[in-house]
Amino acid sequence: VAAATLQDFTMYPNPTTGTVAINLPNQGFVGLAVTVSNNLGQVLESKEPLENTTVIKLDVSGYAAGIYFVTLKAGNDSTTKKLVVR
């Protein structure tokens, strides 16, 4: 069985109007950072969740409707997924 990677994270609901939950595949990501950026690359929010967490909640209810990018980074590994706010 292959080890879970950051690319295996899921995000729901997407699209959303309020809170989005990011589900991590496991708890083994050391130094995890989560950023939300807009289509211009500007970082709107940045979090460093606890190492033993598997669910990260982001409140995006104050964001304007549009497309945003959620990036997870741990060490040299990073992945980005699109988030739609309505």
C-alpha atoms as a PDB file:
ATOM      1  CA  VAL A   1       0.000   0.000   0.000  1.00  0.00           C
ATOM      2  CA  ALA A   2       1.442   3.347  -1.004  1.00  0.00           C
ATOM      3  CA  ALA A   3       1.894   6.002   1.665  1.00  0.00           C
ATOM      4  CA  ALA A   4      -0.616   8.839   1.663  1.00  0.00           C
ATOM      5  CA  THR A   5       0.662  12.118   0.288  1.00  0.00           C
ATOM      6  CA  LEU A   6      -0.504  15.698   0.511  1.00  0.00           C
ATOM      7  CA  GLN A   7      -2.094  15.309  -2.933  1.00  0.00           C
ATOM      8  CA  ASP A   8      -4.601  12.932  -1.343  1.00  0.00           C
ATOM      9  CA  PHE A   9      -6.331  15.670   0.674  1.00  0.00           C
ATOM     10  CA  THR A  10     -10.023  16.357   0.117  1.00  0.00           C
ATOM     11  CA  MET A  11     -11.948  19.583   0.561  1.00  0.00           C
ATOM     12  CA  TYR A  12     -15.703  19.976   1.030  1.00  0.00           C
ATOM     13  CA  PRO A  13     -18.143  21.447   0.437  1.00  0.00           C
ATOM     14  CA  ASN A  14     -16.738  22.845  -2.784  1.00  0.00           C
ATOM     15  CA  PRO A  15     -18.253  25.176  -3.930  1.00  0.00           C
ATOM     16  CA  THR A  16     -19.018  26.721  -0.541  1.00  0.00           C
ATOM     17  CA  THR A  17     -20.538  29.853   0.953  1.00  0.00           C
ATOM     18  CA  GLY A  18     -19.202  29.475   4.497  1.00  0.00           C
ATOM     19  CA  THR A  19     -16.869  26.970   6.091  1.00  0.00           C
ATOM     20  CA  VAL A  20     -14.816  24.470   4.128  1.00  0.00           C
ATOM     21  CA  ALA A  21     -13.283  21.362   5.691  1.00  0.00           C
ATOM     22  CA  ILE A  22      -9.916  20.075   4.507  1.00  0.00           C
ATOM     23  CA  ASN A  23      -9.455  16.372   5.230  1.00  0.00           C
ATOM     24  CA  LEU A  24      -5.868  15.155   5.400  1.00  0.00           C
ATOM     25  CA  PRO A  25      -5.105  11.524   4.533  1.00  0.00           C
ATOM     26  CA  ASN A  26      -3.166  11.015   7.791  1.00  0.00           C
ATOM     27  CA  GLN A  27      -1.531  12.828  10.716  1.00  0.00           C
ATOM     28  CA  GLY A  28       2.076  12.390   9.657  1.00  0.00           C
ATOM     29  CA  PHE A  29       2.726  15.754   8.007  1.00  0.00           C
ATOM     30  CA  VAL A  30       5.348  17.639  10.021  1.00  0.00           C
ATOM     31  CA  GLY A  31       5.496  21.417   9.604  1.00  0.00           C
ATOM     32  CA  LEU A  32       2.252  21.561   7.649  1.00  0.00           C
ATOM     33  CA  ALA A  33       1.204  24.986   6.370  1.00  0.00           C
ATOM     34  CA  VAL A  34      -2.113  25.824   4.711  1.00  0.00           C
ATOM     35  CA  THR A  35      -2.534  28.964   2.617  1.00  0.00           C
ATOM     36  CA  VAL A  36      -5.485  30.399   0.727  1.00  0.00           C
ATOM     37  CA  SER A  37      -4.675  32.713  -2.165  1.00  0.00           C
ATOM     38  CA  ASN A  38      -6.673  34.518  -4.813  1.00  0.00           C
ATOM     39  CA  ASN A  39      -6.227  34.335  -8.573  1.00  0.00           C
ATOM     40  CA  LEU A  40      -3.574  37.085  -8.357  1.00  0.00           C
ATOM     41  CA  GLY A  41      -1.453  34.951  -6.048  1.00  0.00           C
ATOM     42  CA  GLN A  42      -2.098  37.144  -3.007  1.00  0.00           C
ATOM     43  CA  VAL A  43      -2.196  35.129   0.230  1.00  0.00           C
ATOM     44  CA  LEU A  44      -5.454  35.823   2.063  1.00  0.00           C
ATOM     45  CA  GLU A  45      -5.034  33.370   4.911  1.00  0.00           C
ATOM     46  CA  SER A  46      -2.283  31.197   6.310  1.00  0.00           C
ATOM     47  CA  LYS A  47      -2.496  28.514   9.001  1.00  0.00           C
ATOM     48  CA  GLU A  48      -0.130  26.074  10.640  1.00  0.00           C
ATOM     49  CA  PRO A  49      -2.394  23.407  12.153  1.00  0.00           C
ATOM     50  CA  LEU A  50      -1.331  21.072  14.931  1.00  0.00           C
ATOM     51  CA  GLU A  51       0.641  18.017  13.794  1.00  0.00           C
ATOM     52  CA  ASN A  52      -1.956  15.508  15.015  1.00  0.00           C
ATOM     53  CA  THR A  53      -4.878  17.040  13.122  1.00  0.00           C
ATOM     54  CA  THR A  54      -6.634  15.408  10.185  1.00  0.00           C
ATOM     55  CA  VAL A  55      -9.361  18.026   9.599  1.00  0.00           C
ATOM     56  CA  ILE A  56      -8.724  21.740   9.074  1.00  0.00           C
ATOM     57  CA  LYS A  57     -11.678  24.116   8.909  1.00  0.00           C
ATOM     58  CA  LEU A  58     -11.475  27.402   7.043  1.00  0.00           C
ATOM     59  CA  ASP A  59     -14.148  30.099   7.341  1.00  0.00           C
ATOM     60  CA  VAL A  60     -14.427  31.710   3.910  1.00  0.00           C
ATOM     61  CA  SER A  61     -17.805  33.391   4.509  1.00  0.00           C
ATOM     62  CA  GLY A  62     -16.110  36.803   4.341  1.00  0.00           C
ATOM     63  CA  TYR A  63     -14.551  36.108   0.944  1.00  0.00           C
ATOM     64  CA  ALA A  64     -16.008  37.587  -2.227  1.00  0.00           C
ATOM     65  CA  ALA A  65     -17.529  35.075  -4.631  1.00  0.00           C
ATOM     66  CA  GLY A  66     -14.836  33.683  -6.904  1.00  0.00           C
ATOM     67  CA  ILE A  67     -12.098  31.117  -7.337  1.00  0.00           C
ATOM     68  CA  TYR A  68      -9.390  30.678  -4.712  1.00  0.00           C
ATOM     69  CA  PHE A  69      -6.472  28.300  -4.346  1.00  0.00           C
ATOM     70  CA  VAL A  70      -5.783  26.236  -1.227  1.00  0.00           C
ATOM     71  CA  THR A  71      -2.156  25.129  -0.920  1.00  0.00           C
ATOM     72  CA  LEU A  72      -0.878  22.560   1.549  1.00  0.00           C
ATOM     73  CA  LYS A  73       2.865  22.434   2.106  1.00  0.00           C
ATOM     74  CA  ALA A  74       4.936  20.150   4.321  1.00  0.00           C
ATOM     75  CA  GLY A  75       8.689  20.091   3.875  1.00  0.00           C
ATOM     76  CA  ASN A  76       9.479  19.825   0.152  1.00  0.00           C
ATOM     77  CA  ASP A  77       6.006  18.501  -0.683  1.00  0.00           C
ATOM     78  CA  SER A  78       3.187  20.817  -1.706  1.00  0.00           C
ATOM     79  CA  THR A  79      -0.086  20.626  -3.558  1.00  0.00           C
ATOM     80  CA  THR A  80      -2.756  23.127  -4.570  1.00  0.00           C
ATOM     81  CA  LYS A  81      -6.466  22.658  -5.205  1.00  0.00           C
ATOM     82  CA  LYS A  82      -9.090  25.064  -6.448  1.00  0.00           C
ATOM     83  CA  LEU A  83     -11.830  26.310  -4.086  1.00  0.00           C
ATOM     84  CA  VAL A  84     -14.967  28.008  -5.403  1.00  0.00           C
ATOM     85  CA  VAL A  85     -16.702  30.504  -3.091  1.00  0.00           C
ATOM     86  CA  ARG A  86     -20.265  31.447  -3.978  1.00  0.00           C
END
